[in-house]
PDB file of N, CA and C in Angstrom:
ATOM      1  N   UNK A   1       2.408  55.149 -11.421  1.00  0.00           N
ATOM      2  CA  UNK A   1       1.563  54.998 -12.586  1.00  0.00           C
ATOM      3  C   UNK A   1       2.187  53.998 -13.554  1.00  0.00           C
ATOM      4  N   UNK A   2       3.497  54.071 -13.737  1.00  0.00           N
ATOM      5  CA  UNK A   2       4.182  53.170 -14.661  1.00  0.00           C
ATOM      6  C   UNK A   2       4.148  51.728 -14.179  1.00  0.00           C
ATOM      7  N   UNK A   3       4.274  51.539 -12.853  1.00  0.00           N
ATOM      8  CA  UNK A   3       4.242  50.196 -12.289  1.00  0.00           C
ATOM      9  C   UNK A   3       2.888  49.539 -12.492  1.00  0.00           C
ATOM     10  N   UNK A   4       1.827  50.316 -12.418  1.00  0.00           N
ATOM     11  CA  UNK A   4       0.478  49.788 -12.598  1.00  0.00           C
ATOM     12  C   UNK A   4       0.314  49.251 -14.017  1.00  0.00           C
ATOM     13  N   UNK A   5       0.805  49.997 -14.991  1.00  0.00           N
ATOM     14  CA  UNK A   5       0.709  49.561 -16.384  1.00  0.00           C
ATOM     15  C   UNK A   5       1.516  48.286 -16.607  1.00  0.00           C
ATOM     16  N   UNK A   6       2.688  48.222 -16.014  1.00  0.00           N
ATOM     17  CA  UNK A   6       3.537  47.034 -16.137  1.00  0.00           C
ATOM     18  C   UNK A   6       2.837  45.830 -15.513  1.00  0.00           C
ATOM     19  N   UNK A   7       2.237  46.025 -14.347  1.00  0.00           N
ATOM     20  CA  UNK A   7       1.531  44.935 -13.669  1.00  0.00           C
ATOM     21  C   UNK A   7       0.357  44.449 -14.493  1.00  0.00           C
ATOM     22  N   UNK A   8      -0.390  45.389 -15.075  1.00  0.00           N
ATOM     23  CA  UNK A   8      -1.534  45.008 -15.908  1.00  0.00           C
ATOM     24  C   UNK A   8      -1.070  44.260 -17.147  1.00  0.00           C
ATOM     25  N   UNK A   9       0.005  44.697 -17.746  1.00  0.00           N
ATOM     26  CA  UNK A   9       0.530  44.025 -18.937  1.00  0.00           C
ATOM     27  C   UNK A   9       0.989  42.613 -18.597  1.00  0.00           C
ATOM     28  N   UNK A  10       1.660  42.490 -17.479  1.00  0.00           N
ATOM     29  CA  UNK A  10       2.146  41.176 -17.050  1.00  0.00           C
ATOM     30  C   UNK A  10       0.970  40.252 -16.747  1.00  0.00           C
ATOM     31  N   UNK A  11      -0.050  40.767 -16.062  1.00  0.00           N
ATOM     32  CA  UNK A  11      -1.235  39.964 -15.757  1.00  0.00           C
ATOM     33  C   UNK A  11      -1.921  39.526 -17.044  1.00  0.00           C
ATOM     34  N   UNK A  12      -1.994  40.406 -18.024  1.00  0.00           N
ATOM     35  CA  UNK A  12      -2.616  40.053 -19.304  1.00  0.00           C
ATOM     36  C   UNK A  12      -1.821  38.950 -20.002  1.00  0.00           C
ATOM     37  N   UNK A  13      -0.493  39.048 -19.977  1.00  0.00           N
ATOM     38  CA  UNK A  13       0.336  38.013 -20.596  1.00  0.00           C
ATOM     39  C   UNK A  13       0.148  36.662 -19.902  1.00  0.00           C
ATOM     40  N   UNK A  14       0.092  36.665 -18.575  1.00  0.00           N
ATOM     41  CA  UNK A  14      -0.134  35.420 -17.839  1.00  0.00           C
ATOM     42  C   UNK A  14      -1.496  34.819 -18.173  1.00  0.00           C
ATOM     43  N   UNK A  15      -2.516  35.675 -18.244  1.00  0.00           N
ATOM     44  CA  UNK A  15      -3.855  35.200 -18.576  1.00  0.00           C
ATOM     45  C   UNK A  15      -3.890  34.605 -19.974  1.00  0.00           C
ATOM     46  N   UNK A  16      -3.230  35.257 -20.915  1.00  0.00           N
ATOM     47  CA  UNK A  16      -3.205  34.760 -22.293  1.00  0.00           C
ATOM     48  C   UNK A  16      -2.459  33.422 -22.351  1.00  0.00           C
ATOM     49  N   UNK A  17      -1.362  33.293 -21.618  1.00  0.00           N
ATOM     50  CA  UNK A  17      -0.596  32.048 -21.584  1.00  0.00           C
ATOM     51  C   UNK A  17      -1.448  30.925 -20.998  1.00  0.00           C
ATOM     52  N   UNK A  18      -2.156  31.217 -19.913  1.00  0.00           N
ATOM     53  CA  UNK A  18      -3.019  30.217 -19.289  1.00  0.00           C
ATOM     54  C   UNK A  18      -4.109  29.781 -20.256  1.00  0.00           C
ATOM     55  N   UNK A  19      -4.677  30.737 -20.944  1.00  0.00           N
ATOM     56  CA  UNK A  19      -5.743  30.444 -21.891  1.00  0.00           C
ATOM     57  C   UNK A  19      -5.236  29.530 -23.006  1.00  0.00           C
ATOM     58  N   UNK A  20      -4.013  29.771 -23.485  1.00  0.00           N
ATOM     59  CA  UNK A  20      -3.473  28.943 -24.557  1.00  0.00           C
ATOM     60  C   UNK A  20      -3.112  27.552 -24.058  1.00  0.00           C
ATOM     61  N   UNK A  21      -2.750  27.435 -22.777  1.00  0.00           N
ATOM     62  CA  UNK A  21      -2.412  26.124 -22.211  1.00  0.00           C
ATOM     63  C   UNK A  21      -3.648  25.263 -22.018  1.00  0.00           C
ATOM     64  N   UNK A  22      -4.796  25.907 -21.854  1.00  0.00           N
ATOM     65  CA  UNK A  22      -6.018  25.163 -21.605  1.00  0.00           C
ATOM     66  C   UNK A  22      -6.631  24.580 -22.876  1.00  0.00           C
ATOM     67  N   UNK A  23      -6.181  25.061 -24.028  1.00  0.00           N
ATOM     68  CA  UNK A  23      -6.715  24.532 -25.278  1.00  0.00           C
ATOM     69  C   UNK A  23      -6.295  23.077 -25.423  1.00  0.00           C
ATOM     70  N   UNK A  24      -7.247  22.245 -25.756  1.00  0.00           N
ATOM     71  CA  UNK A  24      -6.952  20.822 -25.914  1.00  0.00           C
ATOM     72  C   UNK A  24      -6.342  20.558 -27.273  1.00  0.00           C
ATOM     73  N   UNK A  25      -5.359  19.692 -27.244  1.00  0.00           N
ATOM     74  CA  UNK A  25      -4.763  19.276 -28.500  1.00  0.00           C
ATOM     75  C   UNK A  25      -5.610  18.164 -29.083  1.00  0.00           C
ATOM     76  N   UNK A  26      -5.681  18.125 -30.364  1.00  0.00           N
ATOM     77  CA  UNK A  26      -6.439  17.054 -31.007  1.00  0.00           C
ATOM     78  C   UNK A  26      -5.620  15.782 -30.974  1.00  0.00           C
ATOM     79  N   UNK A  27      -6.215  14.774 -30.431  1.00  0.00           N
ATOM     80  CA  UNK A  27      -5.536  13.496 -30.294  1.00  0.00           C
ATOM     81  C   UNK A  27      -6.256  12.485 -31.178  1.00  0.00           C
ATOM     82  N   UNK A  28      -5.462  11.739 -31.929  1.00  0.00           N
ATOM     83  CA  UNK A  28      -6.091  10.734 -32.768  1.00  0.00           C
ATOM     84  C   UNK A  28      -6.589   9.599 -31.898  1.00  0.00           C
ATOM     85  N   UNK A  29      -7.604   8.929 -32.376  1.00  0.00           N
ATOM     86  CA  UNK A  29      -8.165   7.825 -31.604  1.00  0.00           C
ATOM     87  C   UNK A  29      -7.183   6.670 -31.560  1.00  0.00           C
ATOM     88  N   UNK A  30      -7.112   6.050 -30.404  1.00  0.00           N
ATOM     89  CA  UNK A  30      -6.233   4.892 -30.243  1.00  0.00           C
ATOM     90  C   UNK A  30      -7.036   3.618 -30.468  1.00  0.00           C
ATOM     91  N   UNK A  31      -6.350   2.642 -30.972  1.00  0.00           N
ATOM     92  CA  UNK A  31      -6.989   1.331 -31.088  1.00  0.00           C
ATOM     93  C   UNK A  31      -7.024   0.718 -29.689  1.00  0.00           C
ATOM     94  N   UNK A  32      -7.771  -0.361 -29.543  1.00  0.00           N
ATOM     95  CA  UNK A  32      -7.852  -1.038 -28.243  1.00  0.00           C
ATOM     96  C   UNK A  32      -6.489  -1.543 -27.805  1.00  0.00           C
ATOM     97  N   UNK A  33      -5.714  -2.053 -28.757  1.00  0.00           N
ATOM     98  CA  UNK A  33      -4.375  -2.552 -28.416  1.00  0.00           C
ATOM     99  C   UNK A  33      -3.487  -1.431 -27.908  1.00  0.00           C
ATOM    100  N   UNK A  34      -3.515  -0.290 -28.605  1.00  0.00           N
ATOM    101  CA  UNK A  34      -2.701   0.849 -28.181  1.00  0.00           C
ATOM    102  C   UNK A  34      -3.133   1.336 -26.803  1.00  0.00           C
ATOM    103  N   UNK A  35      -4.418   1.365 -26.550  1.00  0.00           N
ATOM    104  CA  UNK A  35      -4.921   1.793 -25.252  1.00  0.00           C
ATOM    105  C   UNK A  35      -4.490   0.855 -24.146  1.00  0.00           C
ATOM    106  N   UNK A  36      -4.572  -0.443 -24.397  1.00  0.00           N
ATOM    107  CA  UNK A  36      -4.158  -1.424 -23.398  1.00  0.00           C
ATOM    108  C   UNK A  36      -2.657  -1.334 -23.137  1.00  0.00           C
ATOM    109  N   UNK A  37      -1.873  -1.177 -24.215  1.00  0.00           N
ATOM    110  CA  UNK A  37      -0.424  -1.055 -24.071  1.00  0.00           C
ATOM    111  C   UNK A  37      -0.067   0.194 -23.260  1.00  0.00           C
ATOM    112  N   UNK A  38      -0.751   1.288 -23.553  1.00  0.00           N
ATOM    113  CA  UNK A  38      -0.490   2.540 -22.847  1.00  0.00           C
ATOM    114  C   UNK A  38      -0.822   2.407 -21.358  1.00  0.00           C
ATOM    115  N   UNK A  39      -1.965   1.817 -21.054  1.00  0.00           N
ATOM    116  CA  UNK A  39      -2.326   1.673 -19.640  1.00  0.00           C
ATOM    117  C   UNK A  39      -1.409   0.678 -18.933  1.00  0.00           C
ATOM    118  N   UNK A  40      -0.926  -0.342 -19.644  1.00  0.00           N
ATOM    119  CA  UNK A  40       0.018  -1.286 -19.046  1.00  0.00           C
ATOM    120  C   UNK A  40       1.338  -0.593 -18.735  1.00  0.00           C
ATOM    121  N   UNK A  41       1.797   0.264 -19.652  1.00  0.00           N
ATOM    122  CA  UNK A  41       3.041   1.007 -19.421  1.00  0.00           C
ATOM    123  C   UNK A  41       2.906   1.957 -18.236  1.00  0.00           C
ATOM    124  N   UNK A  42       1.748   2.628 -18.146  1.00  0.00           N
ATOM    125  CA  UNK A  42       1.520   3.524 -17.013  1.00  0.00           C
ATOM    126  C   UNK A  42       1.541   2.749 -15.708  1.00  0.00           C
ATOM    127  N   UNK A  43       0.901   1.599 -15.684  1.00  0.00           N
ATOM    128  CA  UNK A  43       0.857   0.779 -14.474  1.00  0.00           C
ATOM    129  C   UNK A  43       2.251   0.285 -14.100  1.00  0.00           C
ATOM    130  N   UNK A  44       3.051  -0.109 -15.095  1.00  0.00           N
ATOM    131  CA  UNK A  44       4.418  -0.549 -14.827  1.00  0.00           C
ATOM    132  C   UNK A  44       5.255   0.597 -14.259  1.00  0.00           C
ATOM    133  N   UNK A  45       5.083   1.795 -14.811  1.00  0.00           N
ATOM    134  CA  UNK A  45       5.826   2.952 -14.321  1.00  0.00           C
ATOM    135  C   UNK A  45       5.441   3.260 -12.880  1.00  0.00           C
ATOM    136  N   UNK A  46       4.138   3.265 -12.593  1.00  0.00           N
ATOM    137  CA  UNK A  46       3.680   3.525 -11.232  1.00  0.00           C
ATOM    138  C   UNK A  46       4.215   2.487 -10.266  1.00  0.00           C
ATOM    139  N   UNK A  47       4.248   1.242 -10.711  1.00  0.00           N
ATOM    140  CA  UNK A  47       4.759   0.175  -9.865  1.00  0.00           C
ATOM    141  C   UNK A  47       6.247   0.385  -9.570  1.00  0.00           C
ATOM    142  N   UNK A  48       7.013   0.796 -10.577  1.00  0.00           N
ATOM    143  CA  UNK A  48       8.443   1.051 -10.370  1.00  0.00           C
ATOM    144  C   UNK A  48       8.661   2.209  -9.398  1.00  0.00           C
ATOM    145  N   UNK A  49       7.851   3.257  -9.530  1.00  0.00           N
ATOM    146  CA  UNK A  49       7.967   4.409  -8.630  1.00  0.00           C
ATOM    147  C   UNK A  49       7.639   3.986  -7.201  1.00  0.00           C
ATOM    148  N   UNK A  50       6.574   3.200  -7.036  1.00  0.00           N
ATOM    149  CA  UNK A  50       6.224   2.707  -5.695  1.00  0.00           C
ATOM    150  C   UNK A  50       7.350   1.875  -5.103  1.00  0.00           C
ATOM    151  N   UNK A  51       7.907   0.979  -5.899  1.00  0.00           N
ATOM    152  CA  UNK A  51       9.003   0.137  -5.410  1.00  0.00           C
ATOM    153  C   UNK A  51      10.215   0.969  -5.019  1.00  0.00           C
ATOM    154  N   UNK A  52      10.517   1.986  -5.823  1.00  0.00           N
ATOM    155  CA  UNK A  52      11.664   2.834  -5.538  1.00  0.00           C
ATOM    156  C   UNK A  52      11.461   3.575  -4.209  1.00  0.00           C
ATOM    157  N   UNK A  53      10.265   4.140  -4.008  1.00  0.00           N
ATOM    158  CA  UNK A  53      10.030   4.916  -2.794  1.00  0.00           C
ATOM    159  C   UNK A  53       9.890   4.045  -1.552  1.00  0.00           C
ATOM    160  N   UNK A  54       9.599   2.754  -1.724  1.00  0.00           N
ATOM    161  CA  UNK A  54       9.599   1.854  -0.581  1.00  0.00           C
ATOM    162  C   UNK A  54      10.997   1.728   0.012  1.00  0.00           C
ATOM    163  N   UNK A  55      12.010   1.978  -0.779  1.00  0.00           N
ATOM    164  CA  UNK A  55      13.394   1.924  -0.309  1.00  0.00           C
ATOM    165  C   UNK A  55      13.904   3.328   0.008  1.00  0.00           C
ATOM    166  N   UNK A  56      13.656   4.269  -0.886  1.00  0.00           N
ATOM    167  CA  UNK A  56      14.226   5.610  -0.764  1.00  0.00           C
ATOM    168  C   UNK A  56      13.692   6.346   0.468  1.00  0.00           C
ATOM    169  N   UNK A  57      12.394   6.291   0.712  1.00  0.00           N
ATOM    170  CA  UNK A  57      11.832   7.046   1.829  1.00  0.00           C
ATOM    171  C   UNK A  57      12.398   6.611   3.175  1.00  0.00           C
ATOM    172  N   UNK A  58      12.423   5.327   3.494  1.00  0.00           N
ATOM    173  CA  UNK A  58      12.997   4.953   4.796  1.00  0.00           C
ATOM    174  C   UNK A  58      14.478   5.316   4.926  1.00  0.00           C
ATOM    175  N   UNK A  59      15.225   5.206   3.837  1.00  0.00           N
ATOM    176  CA  UNK A  59      16.649   5.555   3.884  1.00  0.00           C
ATOM    177  C   UNK A  59      16.815   7.051   4.159  1.00  0.00           C
ATOM    178  N   UNK A  60      16.063   7.885   3.451  1.00  0.00           N
ATOM    179  CA  UNK A  60      16.147   9.331   3.683  1.00  0.00           C
ATOM    180  C   UNK A  60      15.675   9.701   5.083  1.00  0.00           C
ATOM    181  N   UNK A  61      14.649   9.009   5.583  1.00  0.00           N
ATOM    182  CA  UNK A  61      14.161   9.254   6.935  1.00  0.00           C
ATOM    183  C   UNK A  61      15.250   8.934   7.958  1.00  0.00           C
ATOM    184  N   UNK A  62      15.936   7.823   7.768  1.00  0.00           N
ATOM    185  CA  UNK A  62      17.012   7.432   8.681  1.00  0.00           C
ATOM    186  C   UNK A  62      18.170   8.431   8.626  1.00  0.00           C
ATOM    187  N   UNK A  63      18.540   8.867   7.430  1.00  0.00           N
ATOM    188  CA  UNK A  63      19.623   9.853   7.290  1.00  0.00           C
ATOM    189  C   UNK A  63      19.246  11.164   7.984  1.00  0.00           C
ATOM    190  N   UNK A  64      18.014  11.600   7.750  1.00  0.00           N
ATOM    191  CA  UNK A  64      17.548  12.833   8.379  1.00  0.00           C
ATOM    192  C   UNK A  64      17.635  12.731   9.896  1.00  0.00           C
ATOM    193  N   UNK A  65      17.150  11.629  10.448  1.00  0.00           N
ATOM    194  CA  UNK A  65      17.147  11.471  11.904  1.00  0.00           C
ATOM    195  C   UNK A  65      18.545  11.350  12.487  1.00  0.00           C
ATOM    196  N   UNK A  66      19.457  10.714  11.776  1.00  0.00           N
ATOM    197  CA  UNK A  66      20.827  10.598  12.295  1.00  0.00           C
ATOM    198  C   UNK A  66      21.534  11.948  12.315  1.00  0.00           C
ATOM    199  N   UNK A  67      21.100  12.875  11.500  1.00  0.00           N
ATOM    200  CA  UNK A  67      21.692  14.218  11.507  1.00  0.00           C
ATOM    201  C   UNK A  67      20.914  15.144  12.438  1.00  0.00           C
ATOM    202  N   UNK A  68      19.596  15.090  12.382  1.00  0.00           N
ATOM    203  CA  UNK A  68      18.747  16.036  13.112  1.00  0.00           C
ATOM    204  C   UNK A  68      18.870  15.897  14.632  1.00  0.00           C
ATOM    205  N   UNK A  69      18.714  14.706  15.148  1.00  0.00           N
ATOM    206  CA  UNK A  69      18.670  14.531  16.597  1.00  0.00           C
ATOM    207  C   UNK A  69      19.998  14.825  17.289  1.00  0.00           C
ATOM    208  N   UNK A  70      21.122  14.404  16.793  1.00  0.00           N
ATOM    209  CA  UNK A  70      22.366  14.809  17.475  1.00  0.00           C
ATOM    210  C   UNK A  70      22.571  16.327  17.490  1.00  0.00           C
ATOM    211  N   UNK A  71      22.185  16.984  16.397  1.00  0.00           N
ATOM    212  CA  UNK A  71      22.323  18.452  16.353  1.00  0.00           C
ATOM    213  C   UNK A  71      21.400  19.088  17.378  1.00  0.00           C
ATOM    214  N   UNK A  72      20.169  18.615  17.467  1.00  0.00           N
ATOM    215  CA  UNK A  72      19.214  19.195  18.427  1.00  0.00           C
ATOM    216  C   UNK A  72      19.622  18.933  19.870  1.00  0.00           C
ATOM    217  N   UNK A  73      20.116  17.757  20.134  1.00  0.00           N
ATOM    218  CA  UNK A  73      20.473  17.418  21.518  1.00  0.00           C
ATOM    219  C   UNK A  73      21.748  18.106  21.986  1.00  0.00           C
ATOM    220  N   UNK A  74      22.608  18.483  21.051  1.00  0.00           N
ATOM    221  CA  UNK A  74      23.868  19.147  21.421  1.00  0.00           C
ATOM    222  C   UNK A  74      23.732  20.666  21.466  1.00  0.00           C
ATOM    223  N   UNK A  75      22.659  21.193  20.936  1.00  0.00           N
ATOM    224  CA  UNK A  75      22.470  22.651  20.921  1.00  0.00           C
ATOM    225  C   UNK A  75      22.249  23.150  22.340  1.00  0.00           C
ATOM    226  N   UNK A  76      22.893  24.258  22.704  1.00  0.00           N
ATOM    227  CA  UNK A  76      22.690  24.820  24.047  1.00  0.00           C
ATOM    228  C   UNK A  76      21.248  25.336  24.200  1.00  0.00           C
ATOM    229  N   UNK A  77      20.697  25.239  25.398  1.00  0.00           N
ATOM    230  CA  UNK A  77      19.324  25.739  25.604  1.00  0.00           C
ATOM    231  C   UNK A  77      19.271  27.244  25.425  1.00  0.00           C
ATOM    232  N   UNK A  78      18.158  27.705  24.917  1.00  0.00           N
ATOM    233  CA  UNK A  78      17.977  29.136  24.674  1.00  0.00           C
ATOM    234  C   UNK A  78      17.384  29.783  25.926  1.00  0.00           C
ATOM    235  N   UNK A  79      18.040  30.825  26.445  1.00  0.00           N
ATOM    236  CA  UNK A  79      17.540  31.566  27.612  1.00  0.00           C
ATOM    237  C   UNK A  79      16.639  32.680  27.127  1.00  0.00           C
ATOM    238  N   UNK A  80      15.517  32.834  27.813  1.00  0.00           N
ATOM    239  CA  UNK A  80      14.589  33.914  27.443  1.00  0.00           C
ATOM    240  C   UNK A  80      14.447  34.894  28.549  1.00  0.00           C
TER     241      UNK A  80
END
């Protein structure tokens, strides 16, 4: 009985938190210059992330494969 009350209380707190997170904050209107600057910054950031992952992903893939395959090939076969 006590656990049920605790669960209901916790669910209510989560629901209230979600409800408060969904409220929109009032944002002042941006001028055209501010909007263009903001979108340019976002585009530059996305471009940097893309450039970074063009290098990072292949390197991590190579590291993973150099560790994974020797371990798999050296493992003794499993008898069933």
